[in-house]
N, C-alpha and C. Protein backbone atom coordinates (compact mmCIF):
# COMPACT_ATOMS: atom_id res chain seq x y z
N MET A 1 -8.60 66.79 63.82
CA MET A 1 -8.19 65.79 65.13
C MET A 1 -9.10 65.99 66.05
N LYS A 2 -9.88 65.32 66.53
CA LYS A 2 -10.75 65.16 67.85
C LYS A 2 -10.37 65.50 69.05
N ASN A 3 -11.28 66.10 69.77
CA ASN A 3 -10.89 66.70 71.24
C ASN A 3 -10.40 65.35 71.95
N GLN A 4 -10.85 64.14 71.88
CA GLN A 4 -10.41 62.82 72.86
C GLN A 4 -9.00 62.66 72.01
N GLU A 5 -8.46 62.89 71.00
CA GLU A 5 -7.48 62.56 70.31
C GLU A 5 -6.26 63.35 70.85
N ILE A 6 -6.52 64.68 70.86
CA ILE A 6 -5.72 65.92 71.43
C ILE A 6 -5.58 65.47 72.84
N ASP A 7 -6.46 65.39 73.76
CA ASP A 7 -6.32 65.20 74.94
C ASP A 7 -5.60 63.87 75.28
N LYS A 8 -5.61 63.00 74.26
CA LYS A 8 -4.69 61.77 74.36
C LYS A 8 -3.45 62.01 74.24
N GLU A 9 -3.25 62.47 73.23
CA GLU A 9 -1.77 63.09 73.08
C GLU A 9 -1.19 63.95 73.84
N ALA A 10 -2.01 64.91 74.44
CA ALA A 10 -1.38 65.61 75.82
C ALA A 10 -0.90 65.21 76.80
N GLN A 11 -1.77 63.93 76.99
CA GLN A 11 -1.39 62.96 78.10
C GLN A 11 -0.33 62.46 78.11
N TRP A 12 -0.02 61.57 76.57
CA TRP A 12 1.23 61.05 76.52
C TRP A 12 2.29 62.20 76.52
N GLN A 13 2.18 63.38 76.05
CA GLN A 13 3.38 64.45 75.77
C GLN A 13 3.81 64.46 77.38
N ASP A 14 2.65 64.84 78.20
CA ASP A 14 3.10 64.79 79.83
C ASP A 14 3.84 63.79 80.24
N HIS A 15 3.45 62.81 79.70
CA HIS A 15 4.34 61.48 80.32
C HIS A 15 5.63 61.28 79.90
N ILE A 16 5.85 61.55 78.80
CA ILE A 16 7.36 61.85 78.02
C ILE A 16 7.79 62.81 78.69
N LYS A 17 7.53 63.89 78.79
CA LYS A 17 8.15 65.21 79.56
C LYS A 17 8.51 64.75 80.72
N GLN A 18 7.69 64.00 81.68
CA GLN A 18 8.04 63.46 83.12
C GLN A 18 8.98 62.49 83.03
N TRP A 19 8.95 61.58 81.95
CA TRP A 19 10.03 60.49 81.80
C TRP A 19 11.32 61.00 81.70
N SER A 20 11.32 61.94 80.94
CA SER A 20 12.82 62.70 80.53
C SER A 20 13.58 63.11 81.55
N THR A 21 12.90 63.65 82.65
CA THR A 21 13.39 64.21 83.67
C THR A 21 13.37 63.15 85.01
N SER A 22 12.78 62.03 84.81
CA SER A 22 12.63 60.95 85.96
C SER A 22 13.98 60.10 86.31
N GLY A 23 14.71 60.09 85.48
CA GLY A 23 15.93 59.36 85.37
C GLY A 23 15.61 57.78 85.51
N LEU A 24 14.70 57.37 84.96
CA LEU A 24 14.34 56.20 84.97
C LEU A 24 14.46 55.81 83.55
N SER A 25 14.44 54.46 83.09
CA SER A 25 14.58 53.87 81.79
C SER A 25 12.91 53.91 81.23
N GLN A 26 12.84 53.83 80.13
CA GLN A 26 11.52 53.74 79.38
C GLN A 26 10.72 52.77 80.02
N ALA A 27 11.22 51.73 80.08
CA ALA A 27 10.48 50.09 80.77
C ALA A 27 10.17 50.56 82.16
N GLU A 28 11.03 51.13 82.72
CA GLU A 28 10.70 51.35 84.36
C GLU A 28 9.74 52.35 84.42
N TYR A 29 9.74 53.54 83.56
CA TYR A 29 8.90 54.34 83.97
C TYR A 29 7.32 54.06 83.43
N CYS A 30 7.44 52.98 82.65
CA CYS A 30 5.99 52.61 81.95
C CYS A 30 5.40 51.31 83.12
N ARG A 31 6.33 50.66 83.81
CA ARG A 31 6.03 49.97 85.12
C ARG A 31 5.39 50.58 86.18
N VAL A 32 6.20 51.62 86.40
CA VAL A 32 5.65 52.37 87.83
C VAL A 32 4.25 53.18 87.23
N HIS A 33 3.81 53.59 86.24
CA HIS A 33 2.78 54.07 85.85
C HIS A 33 1.76 53.50 84.94
N ASN A 34 1.96 52.24 84.96
CA ASN A 34 1.10 51.31 84.42
C ASN A 34 0.91 51.59 83.15
N LEU A 35 1.77 51.72 82.00
CA LEU A 35 1.58 52.44 81.09
C LEU A 35 2.05 51.42 79.89
N SER A 36 1.42 51.21 78.87
CA SER A 36 1.82 50.27 77.81
C SER A 36 3.38 50.95 77.04
N SER A 37 4.53 50.15 77.23
CA SER A 37 5.72 50.48 76.61
C SER A 37 5.80 50.70 75.19
N ARG A 38 4.99 49.85 74.72
CA ARG A 38 4.40 49.77 73.11
C ARG A 38 3.92 51.18 72.66
N GLN A 39 2.96 51.68 73.18
CA GLN A 39 2.47 53.05 73.21
C GLN A 39 3.44 54.09 73.33
N PHE A 40 4.08 53.95 74.69
CA PHE A 40 4.85 55.02 75.01
C PHE A 40 6.03 54.99 73.85
N ARG A 41 6.60 54.11 73.38
CA ARG A 41 7.56 54.39 72.41
C ARG A 41 6.89 54.78 70.94
N TYR A 42 5.66 54.52 70.85
CA TYR A 42 5.07 55.08 69.71
C TYR A 42 4.74 56.37 69.68
N TYR A 43 4.37 57.08 70.76
CA TYR A 43 4.06 58.45 70.86
C TYR A 43 5.35 59.35 70.96
N LYS A 44 6.27 58.62 71.76
CA LYS A 44 7.84 59.21 71.88
C LYS A 44 8.30 59.61 70.35
N ILE A 45 8.31 58.40 69.60
CA ILE A 45 8.78 58.68 68.23
C ILE A 45 7.89 59.65 67.32
N LYS A 46 6.57 59.67 67.47
CA LYS A 46 5.84 60.62 66.88
C LYS A 46 5.93 62.09 67.34
N PHE A 47 6.20 62.16 68.68
CA PHE A 47 6.41 63.54 68.81
C PHE A 47 7.96 64.16 68.52
N GLU A 48 8.81 62.98 68.62
CA GLU A 48 10.22 63.59 68.08
C GLU A 48 10.30 63.84 66.61
N GLN A 49 9.40 63.07 65.74
CA GLN A 49 9.19 63.69 64.25
C GLN A 49 8.32 64.73 64.10
N THR A 50 7.42 64.93 64.98
CA THR A 50 6.56 66.26 64.92
C THR A 50 7.21 67.55 65.11
N ASP A 51 8.25 67.33 66.28
CA ASP A 51 9.35 68.25 66.64
C ASP A 51 10.15 68.49 65.86
N ASN A 52 10.62 67.48 65.09
CA ASN A 52 11.70 67.80 64.07
C ASN A 52 11.16 68.20 62.65
N SER A 53 9.86 67.97 62.48
CA SER A 53 9.36 68.37 61.17
C SER A 53 9.72 69.93 60.67
N ASP A 54 9.71 69.99 59.21
CA ASP A 54 9.49 71.65 58.84
C ASP A 54 8.08 72.21 59.19
N SER A 55 8.31 73.22 59.76
CA SER A 55 6.76 73.95 60.14
C SER A 55 7.40 75.41 60.17
N ASP A 56 5.87 75.91 59.70
CA ASP A 56 5.81 77.63 59.63
C ASP A 56 5.66 78.49 61.05
N LEU A 57 5.63 77.14 62.09
CA LEU A 57 5.78 77.94 63.23
C LEU A 57 6.68 77.94 63.89
N VAL A 58 7.28 78.90 64.58
CA VAL A 58 8.61 79.17 65.01
C VAL A 58 8.28 79.52 66.44
N GLU A 59 9.53 79.07 67.30
CA GLU A 59 9.53 79.60 68.82
C GLU A 59 10.00 81.08 68.89
N LEU A 60 8.87 81.53 70.04
CA LEU A 60 9.34 82.67 70.60
C LEU A 60 10.23 83.04 71.55
N LYS A 61 11.12 83.68 71.43
CA LYS A 61 12.30 83.59 72.19
C LYS A 61 12.33 85.41 72.71
N ASN A 62 12.48 85.39 73.96
CA ASN A 62 12.60 86.91 74.64
C ASN A 62 11.26 87.86 74.50
N VAL A 63 10.01 87.10 74.40
CA VAL A 63 9.08 87.92 74.40
C VAL A 63 9.06 89.02 75.30
N LYS A 64 8.86 90.23 75.14
CA LYS A 64 9.08 91.58 76.30
C LYS A 64 7.36 91.54 76.69
N TYR A 65 6.62 91.34 75.80
CA TYR A 65 5.20 91.97 76.12
C TYR A 65 4.05 90.67 76.33
N ARG A 66 4.07 90.75 77.69
CA ARG A 66 3.30 89.69 78.28
C ARG A 66 2.06 90.47 79.25
N LEU A 67 0.98 89.64 79.29
CA LEU A 67 -0.01 90.47 80.26
C LEU A 67 -0.44 89.17 81.24
N ASN A 68 -0.30 89.45 82.50
CA ASN A 68 -0.90 88.36 83.38
C ASN A 68 -0.28 87.01 83.18
N ASN A 69 1.15 87.04 82.57
CA ASN A 69 1.30 85.37 82.24
C ASN A 69 0.81 84.57 81.21
N PHE A 70 0.47 85.28 80.22
CA PHE A 70 -0.37 85.22 78.99
C PHE A 70 0.30 85.76 77.91
N ILE A 71 0.24 84.81 76.57
CA ILE A 71 0.79 85.48 75.56
C ILE A 71 -0.43 85.57 74.48
N GLU A 72 -0.61 86.83 74.07
CA GLU A 72 -1.75 87.12 72.79
C GLU A 72 -1.02 86.82 71.71
N LEU A 73 -2.02 86.12 70.76
CA LEU A 73 -1.58 86.05 69.32
C LEU A 73 -2.71 86.67 68.55
N VAL A 74 -2.46 87.73 67.80
CA VAL A 74 -3.50 88.29 66.97
C VAL A 74 -3.15 87.97 65.46
N THR A 75 -4.14 87.49 64.83
CA THR A 75 -4.14 87.17 63.59
C THR A 75 -4.35 88.45 62.58
N PRO A 76 -4.03 88.42 61.33
CA PRO A 76 -4.21 89.74 60.59
C PRO A 76 -5.53 89.74 60.33
N ASP A 77 -6.76 88.78 60.43
CA ASP A 77 -7.73 89.00 60.37
C ASP A 77 -8.58 89.23 61.59
N GLY A 78 -8.09 89.56 62.72
CA GLY A 78 -8.38 89.96 63.86
C GLY A 78 -8.79 89.05 65.01
N LEU A 79 -8.59 87.92 64.84
CA LEU A 79 -8.52 86.73 65.61
C LEU A 79 -7.59 86.92 66.83
N MET A 80 -8.13 87.14 67.92
CA MET A 80 -7.05 86.77 69.23
C MET A 80 -7.16 85.66 69.73
N LEU A 81 -5.80 84.95 70.18
CA LEU A 81 -5.80 83.77 70.94
C LEU A 81 -4.77 84.23 72.09
N ARG A 82 -5.36 83.62 73.52
CA ARG A 82 -4.64 83.92 74.33
C ARG A 82 -4.13 82.55 75.16
N PHE A 83 -2.79 82.16 75.14
CA PHE A 83 -2.40 81.17 75.96
C PHE A 83 -1.50 81.62 77.18
N ARG A 84 -1.72 80.53 78.25
CA ARG A 84 -0.69 80.85 79.39
C ARG A 84 0.62 80.44 78.89
N GLU A 85 1.56 81.43 79.06
CA GLU A 85 3.00 81.55 78.96
C GLU A 85 3.84 80.27 79.13
N ASP A 86 3.19 79.17 80.19
CA ASP A 86 3.78 78.09 80.36
C ASP A 86 3.37 76.88 79.64
N ILE A 87 2.67 77.14 78.35
CA ILE A 87 2.17 76.14 77.84
C ILE A 87 3.04 75.39 77.15
N PRO A 88 3.06 73.99 77.21
CA PRO A 88 4.23 73.23 76.33
C PRO A 88 3.99 73.29 74.80
N PRO A 89 5.20 73.62 74.21
CA PRO A 89 5.15 73.82 72.86
C PRO A 89 4.26 72.86 72.07
N ALA A 90 4.31 71.68 72.39
CA ALA A 90 3.59 70.70 71.54
C ALA A 90 2.22 70.81 71.66
N HIS A 91 1.64 71.36 72.65
CA HIS A 91 0.40 71.76 73.14
C HIS A 91 -0.04 72.79 72.04
N PHE A 92 0.70 73.74 72.11
CA PHE A 92 0.62 74.94 71.58
C PHE A 92 0.35 74.62 70.06
N ARG A 93 1.24 73.78 69.78
CA ARG A 93 1.28 73.34 67.93
C ARG A 93 0.21 72.60 67.88
N ASN A 94 -0.31 71.82 68.57
CA ASN A 94 -1.58 70.93 68.17
C ASN A 94 -2.66 71.89 67.94
N MET A 95 -2.85 73.04 69.01
CA MET A 95 -3.87 73.81 68.94
C MET A 95 -4.10 74.61 67.49
N ILE A 96 -2.74 75.07 67.53
CA ILE A 96 -2.72 75.93 66.15
C ILE A 96 -2.88 75.07 64.60
N MET A 97 -2.78 73.58 64.76
CA MET A 97 -2.77 73.00 63.85
C MET A 97 -4.40 72.82 63.66
N SER A 98 -4.91 72.39 64.80
CA SER A 98 -6.38 72.07 64.72
C SER A 98 -7.20 73.14 64.10
N LEU A 99 -6.75 74.60 64.48
CA LEU A 99 -7.46 75.46 63.80
C LEU A 99 -7.34 75.80 62.31
N ARG A 100 -6.51 75.14 61.91
CA ARG A 100 -5.95 75.30 60.45
C ARG A 100 -6.88 74.26 59.57
N GLY A 101 -7.62 73.19 60.30
CA GLY A 101 -8.62 72.71 59.76
C GLY A 101 -8.05 71.43 59.48
């Protein structure tokens, strides 16, 4: 996936997250933010399917060891990845999937 595509998806994920807590209907949110309601529905469905798909990624709960609000992940071959602890799960998933090639 190209960086532009990842950025675009990240923007849509942010919009969908903001909409979910806004109290607005999808149509109202799209009007207020000058978004295509068709694209909004497309990405909402796409992310719902991604969130519900079988994956070997698992959510970490009650992580006890954090370094300055970061989570470090070290792979068996020594690759170290550091993420801010407030990273949205969908963004984390996209980054991991892009590393897979």
